[in-house]
Amino acid sequence: MTTGLWVAILGTVGGFCTTFAFVPQLIKIWRQGGKDLSYGMLFVYLFGVYLWLAYGILTHATAVTLTNAATFVLISIATMLKAWTARRDAPRENIALGATERG
């Protein structure tokens, strides 16, 4: 194999690992909610991934482009899940607070 091919494989596998390492976090948000995640962190991360995606497109770096496109989708899903689970869990929290206040 050529050095260029090894570099492409290395970039693709590394990108795959860092991208899909976020999948367990998505599962946790789905099951337990995302109140421990900061919207600020998610938006900065999303913006950084967007910049890497643009960089990959502009430099024709396939591994960078593909992995950051996938990461962009995953972080977008995480942000939407955080908002959705907050709305989903709000009635339960309100009921629990009401029961505590009545004592």
Protein backbone atom coordinates (compact mmCIF):
# COMPACT_ATOMS: atom_id res chain seq x y z
CA MET A 1 0.00 0.00 0.00
CA THR A 2 1.12 3.53 -0.70
CA THR A 3 1.74 6.15 1.95
CA GLY A 4 -1.18 8.21 0.62
CA LEU A 5 -3.54 5.29 1.07
CA TRP A 6 -2.32 4.70 4.64
CA VAL A 7 -2.86 8.39 5.42
CA ALA A 8 -6.41 8.21 4.00
CA ILE A 9 -7.18 5.07 6.03
CA LEU A 10 -5.73 6.66 9.17
CA GLY A 11 -7.82 9.81 8.72
CA THR A 12 -10.99 7.89 7.96
CA VAL A 13 -10.69 5.49 10.91
CA GLY A 14 -9.74 8.33 13.28
CA GLY A 15 -12.65 10.43 12.07
CA PHE A 16 -15.03 7.50 12.39
CA CYS A 17 -13.94 6.88 15.99
CA THR A 18 -14.26 10.51 17.09
CA THR A 19 -17.55 10.95 15.27
CA PHE A 20 -19.32 7.85 16.50
CA ALA A 21 -17.95 8.18 20.02
CA PHE A 22 -20.84 10.63 20.42
CA VAL A 23 -23.51 7.97 19.77
CA PRO A 24 -23.57 6.71 23.40
CA GLN A 25 -24.20 10.31 24.47
CA LEU A 26 -27.21 10.48 22.15
CA ILE A 27 -28.57 7.28 23.69
CA LYS A 28 -28.07 8.72 27.18
CA ILE A 29 -29.85 11.96 26.23
CA TRP A 30 -32.76 9.93 24.79
CA ARG A 31 -33.11 7.82 27.93
CA GLN A 32 -32.21 10.23 30.73
CA GLY A 33 -32.60 13.69 29.23
CA GLY A 34 -29.95 16.23 28.42
CA LYS A 35 -30.18 18.68 31.30
CA ASP A 36 -26.52 18.13 32.18
CA LEU A 37 -25.44 19.24 28.70
CA SER A 38 -24.89 22.91 28.07
CA TYR A 39 -26.46 24.52 25.00
CA GLY A 40 -23.38 26.73 24.85
CA MET A 41 -21.08 23.71 24.55
CA LEU A 42 -23.29 22.12 21.93
CA PHE A 43 -23.45 25.28 19.81
CA VAL A 44 -19.70 25.95 20.02
CA TYR A 45 -19.02 22.30 19.16
CA LEU A 46 -21.49 22.48 16.28
CA PHE A 47 -19.87 25.66 14.96
CA GLY A 48 -16.40 24.08 15.22
CA VAL A 49 -17.57 21.02 13.30
CA TYR A 50 -19.14 23.31 10.69
CA LEU A 51 -15.78 25.04 10.25
CA TRP A 52 -13.98 21.69 9.91
CA LEU A 53 -16.59 20.62 7.38
CA ALA A 54 -16.00 23.80 5.37
CA TYR A 55 -12.25 23.22 5.61
CA GLY A 56 -12.64 19.65 4.35
CA ILE A 57 -14.76 20.78 1.43
CA LEU A 58 -12.40 23.61 0.48
CA THR A 59 -9.29 21.40 0.68
CA HIS A 60 -11.00 18.39 -0.94
CA ALA A 61 -10.17 16.27 2.13
CA THR A 62 -12.72 13.47 1.86
CA ALA A 63 -12.13 12.00 5.33
CA VAL A 64 -12.47 15.40 6.99
CA THR A 65 -15.58 16.23 4.97
CA LEU A 66 -17.40 12.95 5.58
CA THR A 67 -16.64 12.62 9.27
CA ASN A 68 -17.50 16.21 10.05
CA ALA A 69 -20.72 16.00 8.06
CA ALA A 70 -21.69 12.99 10.17
CA THR A 71 -20.62 14.74 13.37
CA PHE A 72 -22.66 17.81 12.39
CA VAL A 73 -25.74 15.62 12.05
CA LEU A 74 -25.10 13.88 15.39
CA ILE A 75 -24.56 17.13 17.31
CA SER A 76 -27.67 18.62 15.69
CA ILE A 77 -29.64 15.57 16.81
CA ALA A 78 -28.19 15.88 20.33
CA THR A 79 -29.23 19.53 20.52
CA MET A 80 -32.75 18.75 19.33
CA LEU A 81 -33.00 15.79 21.72
CA LYS A 82 -31.91 17.97 24.62
CA ALA A 83 -34.69 20.44 23.83
CA TRP A 84 -37.24 17.68 23.25
CA THR A 85 -36.41 15.76 26.45
CA ALA A 86 -36.52 19.01 28.46
CA ARG A 87 -40.04 19.62 27.17
CA ARG A 88 -40.95 15.95 27.66
CA ASP A 89 -39.69 15.86 31.25
CA ALA A 90 -41.04 19.27 32.33
CA PRO A 91 -44.55 18.03 33.28
CA ARG A 92 -43.04 15.30 35.47
CA GLU A 93 -40.79 17.79 37.25
CA ASN A 94 -43.70 20.18 37.79
CA ILE A 95 -45.80 17.38 39.27
CA ALA A 96 -42.94 16.33 41.55
CA LEU A 97 -42.40 19.93 42.70
CA GLY A 98 -46.10 20.38 43.35
CA ALA A 99 -46.23 17.23 45.46
CA THR A 100 -43.21 18.38 47.50
CA GLU A 101 -44.68 21.81 48.12
CA ARG A 102 -47.94 20.30 49.40
CA GLY A 103 -45.79 18.19 51.70
